[in-house]
Amino acid sequence: MFVDMHTHSEFSTDSVCPILDMAKAQKEMGTNIFAVTDHFDMSTYVEKKSIQAIKNCHNKIDGLQLNDIEILKGIEFGEANWDIKLANNLIKELQPDVAICSTHAILIKSSLCIHIHNTNFSTFTKEEINNFFLLYFKGVQENIKMDCDILAHLTLPLRYFKAKYDIDVDITHYNEQINLILDYIIKNNIALEINTSALKTGIKDFLPDKEIVNRYLDMGGKMLTLGSDAHASENASYGFIKAKEMLNSLGITEAYYFKNRQPVKYEL
C-alpha cells in the first residue's frame, strides 16, 4: 500500500491534469489514497486567484463518486512567512485534510528576491550560492511556523542546482540549519516528506536524501510521508518503490498520511 500525499491538478496554474486522470494513474500504481495539494503561493495568490481555484478543486473532489480510491483535499502553501495569519485563516475556512508547507522563493527586504523555479543559478558565484542556501533554509525555518502537517521537499533547490545547472552543492555545509528545521518539526508534530520528484533528474535522489532522513530518525522523528509532487498523471506515485526500499534499509516499515488534519499510520 502507498499513499501519495503531494500531487497537483488542473486547478493549479502549473498543471493541466484532471483529478480523475490522476486517480486512475494512482490506482494503476497500487495507490489507494492520494491527496490533491494545489498551490497557494503567497507571492502570486492574488493574480492567480488561488483561493477560488482551491475551493473549486475541493468542490470537484466532493462531487466525485469513486469506490476504489480515496482522494484527500489538501493545500500546498508556499512562502507562508509572508502572511502566516492569512495561511492559517484559510486552513480554518477550507478545512482541508492536509496542509503542506513549502519554500519556493526567498525574500530580501520585504520583496521577492529569488524564485527557485525560474532563476538562472549558472551565473551565481560560490559566495552567492552559499548565501542563497543560507537564506533558503532560513525561509524554511520561518515557513514551518504556520499551522501545517507536512514539510515538503526540504532540499528542493538541489533539483535545480544539480540536475538543471550541473552545480554540485555539498548540502552538509548546512547541517546546522537543517538540524534546526528537523528539531522544530519533530517537536511540533509536523511530518517530513520523502519527495520523489527528483528521481527523474540527473541527481536521482530523494528530497531530502537518505542521510538527512536517517538523521531525522536519530533525532527522534517518526512521521514520514511519501509525495510524488506529480503535476501529470504519468508521475503518480513515481519512485515510491525505491522510497520504500530506502526506508526499509533504515528499518522503517511504516509511513503516514493525513485525513481531517490527523496523522494515520500505514504499513509500506
C-alpha atoms as a PDB file:
ATOM      1  CA  MET A   1       0.000   0.000   0.000  1.00  0.00           C
ATOM      2  CA  PHE A   2       1.141   3.511  -0.847  1.00  0.00           C
ATOM      3  CA  VAL A   3      -0.378   6.918  -0.138  1.00  0.00           C
ATOM      4  CA  ASP A   4       0.714   9.868  -2.300  1.00  0.00           C
ATOM      5  CA  MET A   5       0.339  12.999  -0.180  1.00  0.00           C
ATOM      6  CA  HIS A   6       1.584  15.534  -2.743  1.00  0.00           C
ATOM      7  CA  THR A   7       0.009  15.927  -6.205  1.00  0.00           C
ATOM      8  CA  HIS A   8      -1.348  18.731  -8.366  1.00  0.00           C
ATOM      9  CA  SER A   9      -4.339  19.098 -10.657  1.00  0.00           C
ATOM     10  CA  GLU A  10      -5.850  21.300 -13.330  1.00  0.00           C
ATOM     11  CA  PHE A  11      -6.770  23.727 -10.553  1.00  0.00           C
ATOM     12  CA  SER A  12      -3.074  24.533 -10.117  1.00  0.00           C
ATOM     13  CA  THR A  13      -1.601  27.062 -12.531  1.00  0.00           C
ATOM     14  CA  ASP A  14       1.332  24.742 -13.258  1.00  0.00           C
ATOM     15  CA  SER A  15      -0.744  21.644 -14.089  1.00  0.00           C
ATOM     16  CA  VAL A  16      -3.476  20.646 -16.526  1.00  0.00           C
ATOM     17  CA  CYS A  17      -4.086  17.186 -15.071  1.00  0.00           C
ATOM     18  CA  PRO A  18      -7.743  16.284 -14.446  1.00  0.00           C
ATOM     19  CA  ILE A  19      -8.264  14.805 -10.989  1.00  0.00           C
ATOM     20  CA  LEU A  20      -9.890  11.693 -12.466  1.00  0.00           C
ATOM     21  CA  ASP A  21      -6.832  11.073 -14.657  1.00  0.00           C
ATOM     22  CA  MET A  22      -4.602  11.301 -11.595  1.00  0.00           C
ATOM     23  CA  ALA A  23      -6.925   8.953  -9.709  1.00  0.00           C
ATOM     24  CA  LYS A  24      -6.773   6.358 -12.495  1.00  0.00           C
ATOM     25  CA  ALA A  25      -2.982   6.570 -12.670  1.00  0.00           C
ATOM     26  CA  GLN A  26      -2.607   6.289  -8.907  1.00  0.00           C
ATOM     27  CA  LYS A  27      -4.803   3.204  -8.879  1.00  0.00           C
ATOM     28  CA  GLU A  28      -2.688   1.619 -11.597  1.00  0.00           C
ATOM     29  CA  MET A  29       0.390   2.240  -9.428  1.00  0.00           C
ATOM     30  CA  GLY A  30      -1.212   0.460  -6.491  1.00  0.00           C
ATOM     31  CA  THR A  31      -2.005   3.647  -4.604  1.00  0.00           C
ATOM     32  CA  ASN A  32      -5.415   3.591  -2.954  1.00  0.00           C
ATOM     33  CA  ILE A  33      -5.292   7.016  -1.325  1.00  0.00           C
ATOM     34  CA  PHE A  34      -3.820  10.265  -2.592  1.00  0.00           C
ATOM     35  CA  ALA A  35      -4.081  13.968  -1.809  1.00  0.00           C
ATOM     36  CA  VAL A  36      -4.557  16.807  -4.278  1.00  0.00           C
ATOM     37  CA  THR A  37      -2.438  19.634  -2.874  1.00  0.00           C
ATOM     38  CA  ASP A  38      -2.679  22.518  -5.301  1.00  0.00           C
ATOM     39  CA  HIS A  39      -0.573  25.627  -4.854  1.00  0.00           C
ATOM     40  CA  PHE A  40      -1.278  28.611  -2.678  1.00  0.00           C
ATOM     41  CA  ASP A  41       1.856  30.729  -3.067  1.00  0.00           C
ATOM     42  CA  MET A  42       1.868  33.984  -1.129  1.00  0.00           C
ATOM     43  CA  SER A  43       3.800  35.697  -3.913  1.00  0.00           C
ATOM     44  CA  THR A  44       1.158  35.076  -6.597  1.00  0.00           C
ATOM     45  CA  TYR A  45      -2.127  34.008  -4.986  1.00  0.00           C
ATOM     46  CA  VAL A  46      -3.984  37.264  -5.809  1.00  0.00           C
ATOM     47  CA  GLU A  47      -3.292  37.404  -9.542  1.00  0.00           C
ATOM     48  CA  LYS A  48      -3.664  33.628  -9.905  1.00  0.00           C
ATOM     49  CA  LYS A  49      -6.950  33.628  -7.965  1.00  0.00           C
ATOM     50  CA  SER A  50      -5.634  30.736  -5.926  1.00  0.00           C
ATOM     51  CA  ILE A  51      -8.264  30.819  -3.187  1.00  0.00           C
ATOM     52  CA  GLN A  52     -11.109  30.269  -5.625  1.00  0.00           C
ATOM     53  CA  ALA A  53      -9.106  27.663  -7.523  1.00  0.00           C
ATOM     54  CA  ILE A  54      -8.557  25.629  -4.362  1.00  0.00           C
ATOM     55  CA  LYS A  55     -12.242  25.923  -3.460  1.00  0.00           C
ATOM     56  CA  ASN A  56     -13.129  24.701  -6.956  1.00  0.00           C
ATOM     57  CA  CYS A  57     -10.713  21.793  -6.562  1.00  0.00           C
ATOM     58  CA  HIS A  58     -12.186  20.737  -3.229  1.00  0.00           C
ATOM     59  CA  ASN A  59     -15.721  21.032  -4.585  1.00  0.00           C
ATOM     60  CA  LYS A  60     -14.708  18.849  -7.515  1.00  0.00           C
ATOM     61  CA  ILE A  61     -13.346  16.184  -5.165  1.00  0.00           C
ATOM     62  CA  ASP A  62     -16.522  16.305  -3.063  1.00  0.00           C
ATOM     63  CA  GLY A  63     -18.589  15.712  -6.208  1.00  0.00           C
ATOM     64  CA  LEU A  64     -16.691  12.654  -7.402  1.00  0.00           C
ATOM     65  CA  GLN A  65     -18.253   9.232  -6.910  1.00  0.00           C
ATOM     66  CA  LEU A  66     -15.348   6.808  -6.542  1.00  0.00           C
ATOM     67  CA  ASN A  67     -15.460   3.486  -4.731  1.00  0.00           C
ATOM     68  CA  ASP A  68     -11.966   2.125  -5.317  1.00  0.00           C
ATOM     69  CA  ILE A  69      -9.756   5.084  -4.374  1.00  0.00           C
ATOM     70  CA  GLU A  70      -9.886   7.837  -1.770  1.00  0.00           C
ATOM     71  CA  ILE A  71      -8.986  11.415  -2.698  1.00  0.00           C
ATOM     72  CA  LEU A  72      -7.926  13.741   0.101  1.00  0.00           C
ATOM     73  CA  LYS A  73      -8.295  17.515  -0.063  1.00  0.00           C
ATOM     74  CA  GLY A  74      -5.084  19.435   0.508  1.00  0.00           C
ATOM     75  CA  ILE A  75      -3.266  22.719   0.025  1.00  0.00           C
ATOM     76  CA  GLU A  76       0.430  23.360  -0.612  1.00  0.00           C
ATOM     77  CA  PHE A  77       1.378  26.672   0.958  1.00  0.00           C
ATOM     78  CA  GLY A  78       4.423  28.428  -0.462  1.00  0.00           C
ATOM     79  CA  GLU A  79       6.171  31.247   1.380  1.00  0.00           C
ATOM     80  CA  ALA A  80       3.738  31.197   4.301  1.00  0.00           C
ATOM     81  CA  ASN A  81       6.042  33.538   6.211  1.00  0.00           C
ATOM     82  CA  TRP A  82       4.798  36.381   4.019  1.00  0.00           C
ATOM     83  CA  ASP A  83       1.471  36.170   5.834  1.00  0.00           C
ATOM     84  CA  ILE A  84       1.120  33.276   8.257  1.00  0.00           C
ATOM     85  CA  LYS A  85      -2.138  34.701   9.603  1.00  0.00           C
ATOM     86  CA  LEU A  86      -3.678  34.519   6.116  1.00  0.00           C
ATOM     87  CA  ALA A  87      -2.470  30.934   5.642  1.00  0.00           C
ATOM     88  CA  ASN A  88      -3.856  29.800   8.982  1.00  0.00           C
ATOM     89  CA  ASN A  89      -7.184  31.568   8.416  1.00  0.00           C
ATOM     90  CA  LEU A  90      -7.526  29.884   5.022  1.00  0.00           C
ATOM     91  CA  ILE A  91      -6.963  26.490   6.629  1.00  0.00           C
ATOM     92  CA  LYS A  92      -9.723  27.218   9.136  1.00  0.00           C
ATOM     93  CA  GLU A  93     -12.062  28.306   6.334  1.00  0.00           C
ATOM     94  CA  LEU A  94     -11.431  25.443   3.902  1.00  0.00           C
ATOM     95  CA  GLN A  95     -10.778  22.678   6.436  1.00  0.00           C
ATOM     96  CA  PRO A  96      -8.564  20.534   4.204  1.00  0.00           C
ATOM     97  CA  ASP A  97      -7.407  17.045   5.070  1.00  0.00           C
ATOM     98  CA  VAL A  98      -3.787  18.162   4.888  1.00  0.00           C
ATOM     99  CA  ALA A  99      -1.763  21.379   4.762  1.00  0.00           C
ATOM    100  CA  ILE A 100       1.687  21.158   3.206  1.00  0.00           C
ATOM    101  CA  CYS A 101       4.384  23.762   3.848  1.00  0.00           C
ATOM    102  CA  SER A 102       6.814  24.541   1.015  1.00  0.00           C
ATOM    103  CA  THR A 103       9.503  27.073   0.183  1.00  0.00           C
ATOM    104  CA  HIS A 104       9.807  28.026  -3.471  1.00  0.00           C
ATOM    105  CA  ALA A 105      11.185  31.551  -3.101  1.00  0.00           C
ATOM    106  CA  ILE A 106      13.223  33.622  -0.671  1.00  0.00           C
ATOM    107  CA  LEU A 107      12.729  37.180   0.479  1.00  0.00           C
ATOM    108  CA  ILE A 108      15.113  40.065   0.990  1.00  0.00           C
ATOM    109  CA  LYS A 109      13.960  43.434   2.310  1.00  0.00           C
ATOM    110  CA  SER A 110      10.256  42.560   2.006  1.00  0.00           C
ATOM    111  CA  SER A 111      10.396  41.891  -1.742  1.00  0.00           C
ATOM    112  CA  LEU A 112      10.682  38.731  -3.792  1.00  0.00           C
ATOM    113  CA  CYS A 113      14.369  38.054  -4.257  1.00  0.00           C
ATOM    114  CA  ILE A 114      14.777  34.685  -5.905  1.00  0.00           C
ATOM    115  CA  HIS A 115      12.198  32.183  -7.114  1.00  0.00           C
ATOM    116  CA  ILE A 116      13.819  28.776  -7.343  1.00  0.00           C
ATOM    117  CA  HIS A 117      11.903  27.630 -10.427  1.00  0.00           C
ATOM    118  CA  ASN A 118      12.861  30.499 -12.750  1.00  0.00           C
ATOM    119  CA  THR A 119      16.283  31.679 -11.574  1.00  0.00           C
ATOM    120  CA  ASN A 120      19.377  31.017 -13.663  1.00  0.00           C
ATOM    121  CA  PHE A 121      21.750  29.743 -10.988  1.00  0.00           C
ATOM    122  CA  SER A 122      24.529  29.126 -13.524  1.00  0.00           C
ATOM    123  CA  THR A 123      25.531  32.784 -13.150  1.00  0.00           C
ATOM    124  CA  PHE A 124      25.925  32.555  -9.366  1.00  0.00           C
ATOM    125  CA  THR A 125      29.337  32.700  -7.701  1.00  0.00           C
ATOM    126  CA  LYS A 126      30.216  30.262  -4.900  1.00  0.00           C
ATOM    127  CA  GLU A 127      29.546  33.002  -2.369  1.00  0.00           C
ATOM    128  CA  GLU A 128      26.168  33.776  -3.928  1.00  0.00           C
ATOM    129  CA  ILE A 129      25.243  30.083  -3.900  1.00  0.00           C
ATOM    130  CA  ASN A 130      26.198  29.800  -0.238  1.00  0.00           C
ATOM    131  CA  ASN A 131      24.201  32.918   0.644  1.00  0.00           C
ATOM    132  CA  PHE A 132      21.224  31.576  -1.294  1.00  0.00           C
ATOM    133  CA  PHE A 133      21.154  28.288   0.628  1.00  0.00           C
ATOM    134  CA  LEU A 134      21.528  30.080   3.960  1.00  0.00           C
ATOM    135  CA  LEU A 135      18.572  32.297   3.056  1.00  0.00           C
ATOM    136  CA  TYR A 136      16.613  29.343   1.733  1.00  0.00           C
ATOM    137  CA  PHE A 137      16.891  27.332   4.936  1.00  0.00           C
ATOM    138  CA  LYS A 138      16.148  30.447   6.964  1.00  0.00           C
ATOM    139  CA  GLY A 139      12.964  30.780   4.900  1.00  0.00           C
ATOM    140  CA  VAL A 140      12.057  27.152   5.609  1.00  0.00           C
ATOM    141  CA  GLN A 141      12.523  27.773   9.336  1.00  0.00           C
ATOM    142  CA  GLU A 142      10.102  30.697   9.136  1.00  0.00           C
ATOM    143  CA  ASN A 143       7.547  28.964   6.918  1.00  0.00           C
ATOM    144  CA  ILE A 144       7.084  25.904   9.122  1.00  0.00           C
ATOM    145  CA  LYS A 145       5.775  28.141  11.891  1.00  0.00           C
ATOM    146  CA  MET A 146       2.421  28.082  10.107  1.00  0.00           C
ATOM    147  CA  ASP A 147      -0.246  25.540  11.083  1.00  0.00           C
ATOM    148  CA  CYS A 148       0.909  22.757   8.758  1.00  0.00           C
ATOM    149  CA  ASP A 149       1.022  18.966   8.702  1.00  0.00           C
ATOM    150  CA  ILE A 150       3.881  18.175   6.312  1.00  0.00           C
ATOM    151  CA  LEU A 151       7.173  19.840   5.400  1.00  0.00           C
ATOM    152  CA  ALA A 152       7.609  19.232   1.676  1.00  0.00           C
ATOM    153  CA  HIS A 153      10.836  18.743  -0.320  1.00  0.00           C
ATOM    154  CA  LEU A 154      13.233  20.108   2.316  1.00  0.00           C
ATOM    155  CA  THR A 155      16.169  20.204  -0.122  1.00  0.00           C
ATOM    156  CA  LEU A 156      14.213  21.389  -3.181  1.00  0.00           C
ATOM    157  CA  PRO A 157      16.975  23.659  -4.625  1.00  0.00           C
ATOM    158  CA  LEU A 158      19.122  20.600  -5.347  1.00  0.00           C
ATOM    159  CA  ARG A 159      16.588  19.597  -8.013  1.00  0.00           C
ATOM    160  CA  TYR A 160      17.706  22.671  -9.930  1.00  0.00           C
ATOM    161  CA  PHE A 161      21.331  23.219  -8.951  1.00  0.00           C
ATOM    162  CA  LYS A 162      22.456  19.662  -9.647  1.00  0.00           C
ATOM    163  CA  ALA A 163      20.064  18.491 -12.348  1.00  0.00           C
ATOM    164  CA  LYS A 164      19.427  21.645 -14.366  1.00  0.00           C
ATOM    165  CA  TYR A 165      22.690  23.561 -13.953  1.00  0.00           C
ATOM    166  CA  ASP A 166      25.144  20.767 -13.065  1.00  0.00           C
ATOM    167  CA  ILE A 167      26.276  22.654  -9.975  1.00  0.00           C
ATOM    168  CA  ASP A 168      27.435  20.356  -7.190  1.00  0.00           C
ATOM    169  CA  VAL A 169      26.335  21.578  -3.764  1.00  0.00           C
ATOM    170  CA  ASP A 170      27.590  19.946  -0.586  1.00  0.00           C
ATOM    171  CA  ILE A 171      24.406  20.047   1.463  1.00  0.00           C
ATOM    172  CA  THR A 172      26.319  19.018   4.603  1.00  0.00           C
ATOM    173  CA  HIS A 173      27.582  22.610   4.812  1.00  0.00           C
ATOM    174  CA  TYR A 174      24.083  23.463   6.020  1.00  0.00           C
ATOM    175  CA  ASN A 175      23.687  20.714   8.611  1.00  0.00           C
ATOM    176  CA  GLU A 176      23.259  23.268  11.396  1.00  0.00           C
ATOM    177  CA  GLN A 177      20.327  24.928   9.615  1.00  0.00           C
ATOM    178  CA  ILE A 178      18.805  21.580   8.613  1.00  0.00           C
ATOM    179  CA  ASN A 179      19.074  20.244  12.169  1.00  0.00           C
ATOM    180  CA  LEU A 180      17.169  23.260  13.496  1.00  0.00           C
ATOM    181  CA  ILE A 181      14.401  22.548  10.985  1.00  0.00           C
ATOM    182  CA  LEU A 182      14.278  18.843  11.833  1.00  0.00           C
ATOM    183  CA  ASP A 183      14.208  19.582  15.533  1.00  0.00           C
ATOM    184  CA  TYR A 184      11.299  22.006  15.088  1.00  0.00           C
ATOM    185  CA  ILE A 185       9.116  19.693  13.019  1.00  0.00           C
ATOM    186  CA  ILE A 186       9.716  16.797  15.413  1.00  0.00           C
ATOM    187  CA  LYS A 187       8.728  18.889  18.422  1.00  0.00           C
ATOM    188  CA  ASN A 188       5.663  20.283  16.631  1.00  0.00           C
ATOM    189  CA  ASN A 189       4.382  17.010  15.120  1.00  0.00           C
ATOM    190  CA  ILE A 190       4.998  18.048  11.519  1.00  0.00           C
ATOM    191  CA  ALA A 191       5.758  15.167   9.171  1.00  0.00           C
ATOM    192  CA  LEU A 192       8.818  15.070   6.933  1.00  0.00           C
ATOM    193  CA  GLU A 193       8.046  14.366   3.277  1.00  0.00           C
ATOM    194  CA  ILE A 194      10.121  11.991   1.183  1.00  0.00           C
ATOM    195  CA  ASN A 195       9.689  13.765  -2.147  1.00  0.00           C
ATOM    196  CA  THR A 196      10.459  11.562  -5.149  1.00  0.00           C
ATOM    197  CA  SER A 197      10.217  14.200  -7.881  1.00  0.00           C
ATOM    198  CA  ALA A 198      13.994  14.465  -8.392  1.00  0.00           C
ATOM    199  CA  LEU A 199      14.430  10.784  -9.267  1.00  0.00           C
ATOM    200  CA  LYS A 200      13.764  11.571 -12.929  1.00  0.00           C
ATOM    201  CA  THR A 201      16.505  14.202 -12.949  1.00  0.00           C
ATOM    202  CA  GLY A 202      20.256  13.954 -13.063  1.00  0.00           C
ATOM    203  CA  ILE A 203      20.639  13.795  -9.286  1.00  0.00           C
ATOM    204  CA  LYS A 204      18.465  10.668  -8.976  1.00  0.00           C
ATOM    205  CA  ASP A 205      17.913  11.129  -5.264  1.00  0.00           C
ATOM    206  CA  PHE A 206      15.155  11.904  -2.802  1.00  0.00           C
ATOM    207  CA  LEU A 207      14.381  15.318  -1.391  1.00  0.00           C
ATOM    208  CA  PRO A 208      15.737  15.074   1.289  1.00  0.00           C
ATOM    209  CA  ASP A 209      18.275  12.298   0.805  1.00  0.00           C
ATOM    210  CA  LYS A 210      18.798   9.159   2.858  1.00  0.00           C
ATOM    211  CA  GLU A 211      21.409  10.755   5.129  1.00  0.00           C
ATOM    212  CA  ILE A 212      19.052  13.526   6.220  1.00  0.00           C
ATOM    213  CA  VAL A 213      16.177  11.068   6.677  1.00  0.00           C
ATOM    214  CA  ASN A 214      18.416   8.918   8.864  1.00  0.00           C
ATOM    215  CA  ARG A 215      19.414  11.979  10.896  1.00  0.00           C
ATOM    216  CA  TYR A 216      15.731  12.842  11.333  1.00  0.00           C
ATOM    217  CA  LEU A 217      15.122   9.347  12.694  1.00  0.00           C
ATOM    218  CA  ASP A 218      18.143   9.545  15.009  1.00  0.00           C
ATOM    219  CA  MET A 219      16.775  12.820  16.389  1.00  0.00           C
ATOM    220  CA  GLY A 220      13.531  11.063  17.295  1.00  0.00           C
ATOM    221  CA  GLY A 221      11.453  11.791  14.209  1.00  0.00           C
ATOM    222  CA  LYS A 222       8.741   9.286  13.378  1.00  0.00           C
ATOM    223  CA  MET A 223       6.286  10.758  10.860  1.00  0.00           C
ATOM    224  CA  LEU A 224       7.341  10.314   7.245  1.00  0.00           C
ATOM    225  CA  THR A 225       5.101  10.819   4.225  1.00  0.00           C
ATOM    226  CA  LEU A 226       5.598   9.996   0.548  1.00  0.00           C
ATOM    227  CA  GLY A 227       4.989  12.652  -2.082  1.00  0.00           C
ATOM    228  CA  SER A 228       5.470  12.352  -5.835  1.00  0.00           C
ATOM    229  CA  ASP A 229       4.821  16.073  -6.413  1.00  0.00           C
ATOM    230  CA  ALA A 230       3.154  14.860  -9.619  1.00  0.00           C
ATOM    231  CA  HIS A 231       1.813  17.566 -11.929  1.00  0.00           C
ATOM    232  CA  ALA A 232       0.902  14.982 -14.579  1.00  0.00           C
ATOM    233  CA  SER A 233      -0.737  11.577 -14.247  1.00  0.00           C
ATOM    234  CA  GLU A 234       2.319   9.712 -15.581  1.00  0.00           C
ATOM    235  CA  ASN A 235       4.229  10.797 -12.478  1.00  0.00           C
ATOM    236  CA  ALA A 236       1.690   9.430  -9.986  1.00  0.00           C
ATOM    237  CA  SER A 237       3.497   7.693  -7.098  1.00  0.00           C
ATOM    238  CA  TYR A 238       6.674   7.779  -9.182  1.00  0.00           C
ATOM    239  CA  GLY A 239       9.648   6.287  -7.362  1.00  0.00           C
ATOM    240  CA  PHE A 240       7.666   5.027  -4.388  1.00  0.00           C
ATOM    241  CA  ILE A 241       9.080   1.508  -4.605  1.00  0.00           C
ATOM    242  CA  LYS A 242      12.595   2.952  -4.385  1.00  0.00           C
ATOM    243  CA  ALA A 243      11.496   5.144  -1.493  1.00  0.00           C
ATOM    244  CA  LYS A 244      10.129   2.067   0.283  1.00  0.00           C
ATOM    245  CA  GLU A 245      13.424   0.253  -0.252  1.00  0.00           C
ATOM    246  CA  MET A 246      15.342   3.235   1.135  1.00  0.00           C
ATOM    247  CA  LEU A 247      13.114   3.431   4.207  1.00  0.00           C
ATOM    248  CA  ASN A 248      13.270  -0.327   4.745  1.00  0.00           C
ATOM    249  CA  SER A 249      17.075  -0.105   4.712  1.00  0.00           C
ATOM    250  CA  LEU A 250      16.758   2.319   7.645  1.00  0.00           C
ATOM    251  CA  GLY A 251      14.473  -0.071   9.495  1.00  0.00           C
ATOM    252  CA  ILE A 252      11.291   1.832   8.622  1.00  0.00           C
ATOM    253  CA  THR A 253       8.287  -0.231   7.506  1.00  0.00           C
ATOM    254  CA  GLU A 254       5.555   2.354   8.103  1.00  0.00           C
ATOM    255  CA  ALA A 255       4.615   5.756   6.731  1.00  0.00           C
ATOM    256  CA  TYR A 256       1.856   8.284   7.403  1.00  0.00           C
ATOM    257  CA  TYR A 257      -0.890  10.132   5.632  1.00  0.00           C
ATOM    258  CA  PHE A 258      -3.239  12.835   6.894  1.00  0.00           C
ATOM    259  CA  LYS A 259      -7.018  12.855   6.928  1.00  0.00           C
ATOM    260  CA  ASN A 260      -9.017  15.606   8.629  1.00  0.00           C
ATOM    261  CA  ARG A 261      -5.632  17.019   9.732  1.00  0.00           C
ATOM    262  CA  GLN A 262      -4.921  13.870  11.729  1.00  0.00           C
ATOM    263  CA  PRO A 263      -1.944  11.552  11.044  1.00  0.00           C
ATOM    264  CA  VAL A 264      -2.770   7.984  10.054  1.00  0.00           C
ATOM    265  CA  LYS A 265      -0.098   5.297  10.082  1.00  0.00           C
ATOM    266  CA  TYR A 266       0.000   2.578   7.422  1.00  0.00           C
ATOM    267  CA  GLU A 267       2.248  -0.328   6.502  1.00  0.00           C
ATOM    268  CA  LEU A 268       4.505   0.123   3.487  1.00  0.00           C
END
